[in-house]
Amino acid sequence: MSNILDTGLDRHTLFVLIALCDLGLNPEALAAVIKELRKD
């Protein structure tokens, strides 16, 4: 799925992010954190 979406994330990372969303984390906030971490 990561390749299809062209996220640049590995399978494990994508799994963790989806699990966090399933737990109720705001997907937009989570995406913002990932984008910020990638800048560094």
PDB file of N, CA and C in Angstrom:
ATOM      1  N   MET A   1       0.833  -1.193   0.000  1.00  0.00           N
ATOM      2  CA  MET A   1       0.000   0.000   0.000  1.00  0.00           C
ATOM      3  C   MET A   1       0.875   1.253   0.000  1.00  0.00           C
ATOM      4  N   SER A   2       1.977   1.190   0.732  1.00  0.00           N
ATOM      5  CA  SER A   2       2.874   2.341   0.772  1.00  0.00           C
ATOM      6  C   SER A   2       3.371   2.708  -0.620  1.00  0.00           C
ATOM      7  N   ASN A   3       3.695   1.694  -1.413  1.00  0.00           N
ATOM      8  CA  ASN A   3       4.158   1.946  -2.775  1.00  0.00           C
ATOM      9  C   ASN A   3       3.044   2.517  -3.640  1.00  0.00           C
ATOM     10  N   ILE A   4       1.841   2.006  -3.479  1.00  0.00           N
ATOM     11  CA  ILE A   4       0.710   2.488  -4.264  1.00  0.00           C
ATOM     12  C   ILE A   4       0.430   3.956  -3.950  1.00  0.00           C
ATOM     13  N   LEU A   5       0.490   4.307  -2.675  1.00  0.00           N
ATOM     14  CA  LEU A   5       0.228   5.684  -2.251  1.00  0.00           C
ATOM     15  C   LEU A   5       1.438   6.588  -2.435  1.00  0.00           C
ATOM     16  N   ASP A   6       2.591   5.990  -2.732  1.00  0.00           N
ATOM     17  CA  ASP A   6       3.837   6.732  -2.910  1.00  0.00           C
ATOM     18  C   ASP A   6       4.136   7.634  -1.714  1.00  0.00           C
ATOM     19  N   THR A   7       4.038   7.040  -0.517  1.00  0.00           N
ATOM     20  CA  THR A   7       4.258   7.797   0.709  1.00  0.00           C
ATOM     21  C   THR A   7       5.725   7.949   1.065  1.00  0.00           C
ATOM     22  N   GLY A   8       6.549   7.029   0.577  1.00  0.00           N
ATOM     23  CA  GLY A   8       7.950   7.044   0.958  1.00  0.00           C
ATOM     24  C   GLY A   8       8.183   6.435   2.329  1.00  0.00           C
ATOM     25  N   LEU A   9       7.141   5.845   2.899  1.00  0.00           N
ATOM     26  CA  LEU A   9       7.243   5.212   4.216  1.00  0.00           C
ATOM     27  C   LEU A   9       7.400   3.715   4.041  1.00  0.00           C
ATOM     28  N   ASP A  10       8.128   3.092   4.971  1.00  0.00           N
ATOM     29  CA  ASP A  10       8.234   1.643   4.902  1.00  0.00           C
ATOM     30  C   ASP A  10       6.959   1.004   5.451  1.00  0.00           C
ATOM     31  N   ARG A  11       6.860  -0.292   5.258  1.00  0.00           N
ATOM     32  CA  ARG A  11       5.644  -1.027   5.638  1.00  0.00           C
ATOM     33  C   ARG A  11       5.346  -0.911   7.131  1.00  0.00           C
ATOM     34  N   HIS A  12       6.370  -1.036   7.955  1.00  0.00           N
ATOM     35  CA  HIS A  12       6.178  -0.987   9.410  1.00  0.00           C
ATOM     36  C   HIS A  12       5.695   0.401   9.853  1.00  0.00           C
ATOM     37  N   THR A  13       6.312   1.434   9.332  1.00  0.00           N
ATOM     38  CA  THR A  13       5.929   2.801   9.704  1.00  0.00           C
ATOM     39  C   THR A  13       4.491   3.093   9.303  1.00  0.00           C
ATOM     40  N   LEU A  14       4.120   2.688   8.108  1.00  0.00           N
ATOM     41  CA  LEU A  14       2.752   2.898   7.649  1.00  0.00           C
ATOM     42  C   LEU A  14       1.767   2.143   8.535  1.00  0.00           C
ATOM     43  N   PHE A  15       2.119   0.926   8.931  1.00  0.00           N
ATOM     44  CA  PHE A  15       1.269   0.138   9.820  1.00  0.00           C
ATOM     45  C   PHE A  15       1.055   0.862  11.148  1.00  0.00           C
ATOM     46  N   VAL A  16       2.126   1.403  11.709  1.00  0.00           N
ATOM     47  CA  VAL A  16       2.037   2.112  12.992  1.00  0.00           C
ATOM     48  C   VAL A  16       1.159   3.361  12.853  1.00  0.00           C
ATOM     49  N   LEU A  17       1.332   4.097  11.775  1.00  0.00           N
ATOM     50  CA  LEU A  17       0.542   5.314  11.571  1.00  0.00           C
ATOM     51  C   LEU A  17      -0.948   4.999  11.416  1.00  0.00           C
ATOM     52  N   ILE A  18      -1.259   3.942  10.694  1.00  0.00           N
ATOM     53  CA  ILE A  18      -2.655   3.539  10.537  1.00  0.00           C
ATOM     54  C   ILE A  18      -3.228   3.104  11.881  1.00  0.00           C
ATOM     55  N   ALA A  19      -2.439   2.373  12.662  1.00  0.00           N
ATOM     56  CA  ALA A  19      -2.890   1.945  13.982  1.00  0.00           C
ATOM     57  C   ALA A  19      -3.162   3.148  14.880  1.00  0.00           C
ATOM     58  N   LEU A  20      -2.310   4.156  14.814  1.00  0.00           N
ATOM     59  CA  LEU A  20      -2.527   5.362  15.617  1.00  0.00           C
ATOM     60  C   LEU A  20      -3.812   6.074  15.207  1.00  0.00           C
ATOM     61  N   CYS A  21      -4.080   6.112  13.924  1.00  0.00           N
ATOM     62  CA  CYS A  21      -5.334   6.711  13.452  1.00  0.00           C
ATOM     63  C   CYS A  21      -6.530   5.906  13.944  1.00  0.00           C
ATOM     64  N   ASP A  22      -6.399   4.585  13.924  1.00  0.00           N
ATOM     65  CA  ASP A  22      -7.478   3.725  14.424  1.00  0.00           C
ATOM     66  C   ASP A  22      -7.739   3.955  15.906  1.00  0.00           C
ATOM     67  N   LEU A  23      -6.710   4.364  16.635  1.00  0.00           N
ATOM     68  CA  LEU A  23      -6.860   4.647  18.060  1.00  0.00           C
ATOM     69  C   LEU A  23      -7.451   6.031  18.330  1.00  0.00           C
ATOM     70  N   GLY A  24      -7.641   6.808  17.259  1.00  0.00           N
ATOM     71  CA  GLY A  24      -8.293   8.093  17.428  1.00  0.00           C
ATOM     72  C   GLY A  24      -7.419   9.309  17.227  1.00  0.00           C
ATOM     73  N   LEU A  25      -6.147   9.116  16.895  1.00  0.00           N
ATOM     74  CA  LEU A  25      -5.311  10.285  16.645  1.00  0.00           C
ATOM     75  C   LEU A  25      -5.795  11.011  15.403  1.00  0.00           C
ATOM     76  N   ASN A  26      -5.671  12.299  15.420  1.00  0.00           N
ATOM     77  CA  ASN A  26      -6.081  13.123  14.291  1.00  0.00           C
ATOM     78  C   ASN A  26      -5.114  12.891  13.134  1.00  0.00           C
ATOM     79  N   PRO A  27      -5.607  12.392  11.993  1.00  0.00           N
ATOM     80  CA  PRO A  27      -4.708  12.096  10.871  1.00  0.00           C
ATOM     81  C   PRO A  27      -3.976  13.325  10.336  1.00  0.00           C
ATOM     82  N   GLU A  28      -4.640  14.485  10.344  1.00  0.00           N
ATOM     83  CA  GLU A  28      -3.974  15.699   9.857  1.00  0.00           C
ATOM     84  C   GLU A  28      -2.833  16.097  10.774  1.00  0.00           C
ATOM     85  N   ALA A  29      -3.045  15.980  12.072  1.00  0.00           N
ATOM     86  CA  ALA A  29      -1.994  16.311  13.035  1.00  0.00           C
ATOM     87  C   ALA A  29      -0.836  15.323  12.909  1.00  0.00           C
ATOM     88  N   LEU A  30      -1.167  14.067  12.729  1.00  0.00           N
ATOM     89  CA  LEU A  30      -0.138  13.040  12.575  1.00  0.00           C
ATOM     90  C   LEU A  30       0.678  13.294  11.303  1.00  0.00           C
ATOM     91  N   ALA A  31       0.019  13.647  10.226  1.00  0.00           N
ATOM     92  CA  ALA A  31       0.715  13.955   8.972  1.00  0.00           C
ATOM     93  C   ALA A  31       1.626  15.158   9.144  1.00  0.00           C
ATOM     94  N   ALA A  32       1.175  16.156   9.896  1.00  0.00           N
ATOM     95  CA  ALA A  32       1.995  17.348  10.132  1.00  0.00           C
ATOM     96  C   ALA A  32       3.261  16.982  10.906  1.00  0.00           C
ATOM     97  N   VAL A  33       3.132  16.092  11.869  1.00  0.00           N
ATOM     98  CA  VAL A  33       4.305  15.659  12.642  1.00  0.00           C
ATOM     99  C   VAL A  33       5.284  14.916  11.743  1.00  0.00           C
ATOM    100  N   ILE A  34       4.773  14.032  10.894  1.00  0.00           N
ATOM    101  CA  ILE A  34       5.643  13.280   9.992  1.00  0.00           C
ATOM    102  C   ILE A  34       6.370  14.223   9.040  1.00  0.00           C
ATOM    103  N   LYS A  35       5.645  15.199   8.494  1.00  0.00           N
ATOM    104  CA  LYS A  35       6.274  16.163   7.583  1.00  0.00           C
ATOM    105  C   LYS A  35       7.363  16.951   8.287  1.00  0.00           C
ATOM    106  N   GLU A  36       7.105  17.332   9.525  1.00  0.00           N
ATOM    107  CA  GLU A  36       8.102  18.094  10.295  1.00  0.00           C
ATOM    108  C   GLU A  36       9.329  17.249  10.582  1.00  0.00           C
ATOM    109  N   LEU A  37       9.129  15.986  10.928  1.00  0.00           N
ATOM    110  CA  LEU A  37      10.247  15.094  11.199  1.00  0.00           C
ATOM    111  C   LEU A  37      11.085  14.851   9.948  1.00  0.00           C
ATOM    112  N   ARG A  38      10.459  14.808   8.812  1.00  0.00           N
ATOM    113  CA  ARG A  38      11.182  14.578   7.560  1.00  0.00           C
ATOM    114  C   ARG A  38      12.045  15.762   7.162  1.00  0.00           C
ATOM    115  N   LYS A  39      11.709  16.944   7.633  1.00  0.00           N
ATOM    116  CA  LYS A  39      12.506  18.139   7.315  1.00  0.00           C
ATOM    117  C   LYS A  39      13.889  18.036   7.920  1.00  0.00           C
ATOM    118  N   ASP A  40      13.975  17.406   9.077  1.00  0.00           N
ATOM    119  CA  ASP A  40      15.250  17.323   9.811  1.00  0.00           C
ATOM    120  C   ASP A  40      16.194  16.328   9.247  1.00  0.00           C
TER     121      ASP A  40
END
